[in-house]
N, C-alpha and C. Protein backbone atom coordinates (compact mmCIF):
# COMPACT_ATOMS: atom_id res chain seq x y z
N UNK A 1 11.70 1.78 -14.20
CA UNK A 1 10.53 2.46 -13.67
C UNK A 1 10.49 3.91 -14.16
N UNK A 2 11.64 4.56 -14.06
CA UNK A 2 11.69 5.96 -14.49
C UNK A 2 11.41 6.07 -15.98
N UNK A 3 11.83 5.06 -16.74
CA UNK A 3 11.60 5.07 -18.18
C UNK A 3 10.10 5.00 -18.48
N UNK A 4 9.37 4.20 -17.74
CA UNK A 4 7.92 4.10 -17.93
C UNK A 4 7.24 5.42 -17.58
N UNK A 5 7.69 6.05 -16.50
CA UNK A 5 7.11 7.33 -16.10
C UNK A 5 7.40 8.39 -17.15
N UNK A 6 8.62 8.40 -17.65
CA UNK A 6 8.99 9.40 -18.66
C UNK A 6 8.18 9.22 -19.93
N UNK A 7 7.97 7.98 -20.36
CA UNK A 7 7.19 7.75 -21.58
C UNK A 7 5.74 8.17 -21.38
N UNK A 8 5.20 7.92 -20.20
CA UNK A 8 3.83 8.31 -19.91
C UNK A 8 3.68 9.83 -19.89
N UNK A 9 4.64 10.50 -19.28
CA UNK A 9 4.60 11.97 -19.19
C UNK A 9 4.67 12.59 -20.58
N UNK A 10 5.57 12.09 -21.40
CA UNK A 10 5.74 12.67 -22.74
C UNK A 10 4.61 12.29 -23.69
N UNK A 11 3.97 11.14 -23.48
CA UNK A 11 2.89 10.74 -24.38
C UNK A 11 1.62 11.57 -24.16
N UNK A 12 1.37 12.02 -22.93
CA UNK A 12 0.18 12.82 -22.66
C UNK A 12 0.43 14.32 -22.81
N UNK A 13 1.67 14.74 -22.93
CA UNK A 13 2.04 16.15 -23.14
C UNK A 13 1.47 17.09 -22.07
N UNK A 14 1.39 16.62 -20.84
CA UNK A 14 0.93 17.49 -19.74
C UNK A 14 2.04 18.45 -19.31
N UNK A 15 3.25 17.96 -19.32
CA UNK A 15 4.39 18.75 -18.86
C UNK A 15 5.29 19.04 -20.06
N UNK A 16 5.29 20.28 -20.47
CA UNK A 16 6.03 20.67 -21.67
C UNK A 16 7.51 20.86 -21.35
N UNK A 17 7.80 21.52 -20.24
CA UNK A 17 9.18 21.85 -19.90
C UNK A 17 9.90 20.65 -19.29
N UNK A 18 11.17 20.50 -19.62
CA UNK A 18 11.99 19.43 -19.06
C UNK A 18 12.14 19.60 -17.56
N UNK A 19 12.20 20.84 -17.10
CA UNK A 19 12.33 21.12 -15.67
C UNK A 19 11.13 20.54 -14.90
N UNK A 20 9.93 20.68 -15.45
CA UNK A 20 8.74 20.15 -14.79
C UNK A 20 8.79 18.63 -14.68
N UNK A 21 9.27 17.98 -15.72
CA UNK A 21 9.38 16.52 -15.70
C UNK A 21 10.42 16.08 -14.67
N UNK A 22 11.54 16.79 -14.58
CA UNK A 22 12.56 16.45 -13.61
C UNK A 22 12.07 16.65 -12.18
N UNK A 23 11.31 17.71 -11.94
CA UNK A 23 10.72 17.94 -10.61
C UNK A 23 9.75 16.82 -10.27
N UNK A 24 8.95 16.41 -11.24
CA UNK A 24 8.01 15.32 -11.04
C UNK A 24 8.73 14.03 -10.68
N UNK A 25 9.81 13.73 -11.38
CA UNK A 25 10.58 12.52 -11.09
C UNK A 25 11.26 12.60 -9.73
N UNK A 26 11.76 13.78 -9.36
CA UNK A 26 12.38 13.96 -8.06
C UNK A 26 11.36 13.74 -6.94
N UNK A 27 10.17 14.26 -7.12
CA UNK A 27 9.11 14.07 -6.12
C UNK A 27 8.74 12.59 -5.99
N UNK A 28 8.73 11.87 -7.12
CA UNK A 28 8.42 10.45 -7.09
C UNK A 28 9.50 9.66 -6.36
N UNK A 29 10.74 10.12 -6.45
CA UNK A 29 11.84 9.44 -5.77
C UNK A 29 11.84 9.76 -4.28
N UNK A 30 11.53 10.99 -3.90
CA UNK A 30 11.57 11.42 -2.50
C UNK A 30 10.36 10.93 -1.71
N UNK A 31 9.23 10.75 -2.35
CA UNK A 31 7.98 10.43 -1.66
C UNK A 31 8.07 9.23 -0.72
N UNK A 32 8.69 8.12 -1.09
CA UNK A 32 8.73 6.99 -0.16
C UNK A 32 9.55 7.24 1.10
N UNK A 33 10.39 8.25 1.09
CA UNK A 33 11.26 8.51 2.24
C UNK A 33 10.76 9.64 3.13
N UNK A 34 9.81 10.42 2.70
CA UNK A 34 9.34 11.55 3.48
C UNK A 34 7.85 11.52 3.74
N UNK A 35 7.08 11.66 2.69
CA UNK A 35 5.63 11.78 2.82
C UNK A 35 4.98 10.49 3.32
N UNK A 36 5.32 9.38 2.73
CA UNK A 36 4.67 8.12 3.08
C UNK A 36 4.93 7.70 4.53
N UNK A 37 6.17 7.75 5.01
CA UNK A 37 6.38 7.40 6.43
C UNK A 37 5.63 8.32 7.39
N UNK A 38 5.53 9.59 7.06
CA UNK A 38 4.78 10.51 7.90
C UNK A 38 3.30 10.12 7.95
N UNK A 39 2.73 9.75 6.81
CA UNK A 39 1.32 9.36 6.77
C UNK A 39 1.08 8.07 7.54
N UNK A 40 2.00 7.13 7.45
CA UNK A 40 1.87 5.88 8.20
C UNK A 40 1.96 6.17 9.70
N UNK A 41 2.91 7.03 10.10
CA UNK A 41 3.04 7.40 11.51
C UNK A 41 1.77 8.06 12.03
N UNK A 42 1.19 8.97 11.25
CA UNK A 42 -0.03 9.65 11.67
C UNK A 42 -1.20 8.66 11.80
N UNK A 43 -1.27 7.70 10.90
CA UNK A 43 -2.35 6.70 10.97
C UNK A 43 -2.19 5.81 12.19
N UNK A 44 -0.96 5.39 12.46
CA UNK A 44 -0.72 4.55 13.64
C UNK A 44 -1.03 5.33 14.91
N UNK A 45 -0.61 6.58 14.97
CA UNK A 45 -0.87 7.42 16.14
C UNK A 45 -2.37 7.61 16.35
N UNK A 46 -3.10 7.87 15.28
CA UNK A 46 -4.55 8.05 15.40
C UNK A 46 -5.26 6.79 15.84
N UNK A 47 -4.86 5.66 15.28
CA UNK A 47 -5.48 4.39 15.69
C UNK A 47 -5.14 4.04 17.13
N UNK A 48 -3.91 4.33 17.56
CA UNK A 48 -3.52 4.10 18.95
C UNK A 48 -4.39 4.92 19.89
N UNK A 49 -4.58 6.19 19.56
CA UNK A 49 -5.42 7.05 20.40
C UNK A 49 -6.87 6.59 20.42
N UNK A 50 -7.36 6.11 19.30
CA UNK A 50 -8.74 5.63 19.23
C UNK A 50 -8.90 4.34 20.03
N UNK A 51 -7.96 3.41 19.88
CA UNK A 51 -8.06 2.13 20.57
C UNK A 51 -7.98 2.27 22.09
N UNK A 52 -7.13 3.16 22.57
CA UNK A 52 -6.95 3.33 24.00
C UNK A 52 -7.74 4.51 24.55
N UNK A 53 -8.65 5.04 23.75
CA UNK A 53 -9.56 6.10 24.15
C UNK A 53 -8.85 7.29 24.79
N UNK A 54 -7.80 7.73 24.14
CA UNK A 54 -7.06 8.90 24.59
C UNK A 54 -7.73 10.13 24.00
N UNK A 55 -8.15 11.03 24.87
CA UNK A 55 -8.84 12.24 24.41
C UNK A 55 -7.86 13.20 23.78
N UNK A 56 -8.15 13.61 22.60
CA UNK A 56 -7.38 14.65 21.93
C UNK A 56 -8.31 15.33 20.95
N UNK A 57 -8.04 16.55 20.67
CA UNK A 57 -8.93 17.25 19.75
C UNK A 57 -8.50 18.68 19.54
N UNK A 58 -9.42 19.44 19.04
CA UNK A 58 -9.15 20.83 18.68
C UNK A 58 -9.31 21.77 19.88
N UNK A 59 -9.88 21.28 20.95
CA UNK A 59 -10.13 22.16 22.09
C UNK A 59 -11.45 22.89 21.91
N UNK A 60 -11.69 23.87 22.76
CA UNK A 60 -12.93 24.63 22.70
C UNK A 60 -12.79 25.76 21.70
N UNK A 61 -13.76 25.85 20.82
CA UNK A 61 -13.77 26.91 19.81
C UNK A 61 -14.85 27.92 20.19
N UNK A 62 -14.48 29.17 20.30
CA UNK A 62 -15.41 30.22 20.68
C UNK A 62 -15.88 30.94 19.41
N UNK A 63 -17.18 31.04 19.28
CA UNK A 63 -17.73 31.76 18.12
C UNK A 63 -17.69 33.26 18.38
N UNK A 64 -17.21 33.99 17.39
CA UNK A 64 -17.12 35.43 17.55
C UNK A 64 -18.06 36.16 16.63
N UNK A 65 -18.57 35.50 15.64
CA UNK A 65 -19.47 36.17 14.68
C UNK A 65 -18.67 37.01 13.67
N UNK A 66 -19.38 37.76 12.89
CA UNK A 66 -18.74 38.59 11.88
C UNK A 66 -18.40 39.95 12.48
N UNK A 67 -17.23 40.45 12.14
CA UNK A 67 -16.82 41.77 12.62
C UNK A 67 -17.48 42.83 11.74
N UNK A 68 -17.83 43.96 12.34
CA UNK A 68 -18.44 45.04 11.60
C UNK A 68 -17.37 45.77 10.81
N UNK A 69 -17.68 46.08 9.57
CA UNK A 69 -16.73 46.83 8.73
C UNK A 69 -16.73 48.29 9.15
N UNK A 70 -15.54 48.88 9.20
CA UNK A 70 -15.44 50.29 9.58
C UNK A 70 -15.13 51.15 8.40
């Protein structure tokens, strides 16, 4: 898998530095263990709140208008 990603990265010449390619590969390896589970948890939480009609939100927002420049 990493070989396919490396060939794709080098064929399009988007990332010139080796450091950039290594960071890209590290992010691809870490993503399934950090970002994706968080997104699944947030989706489940949101659907749970919607299904059981649990009120949640941003609260009351008070408009203040534009401040005058001094």
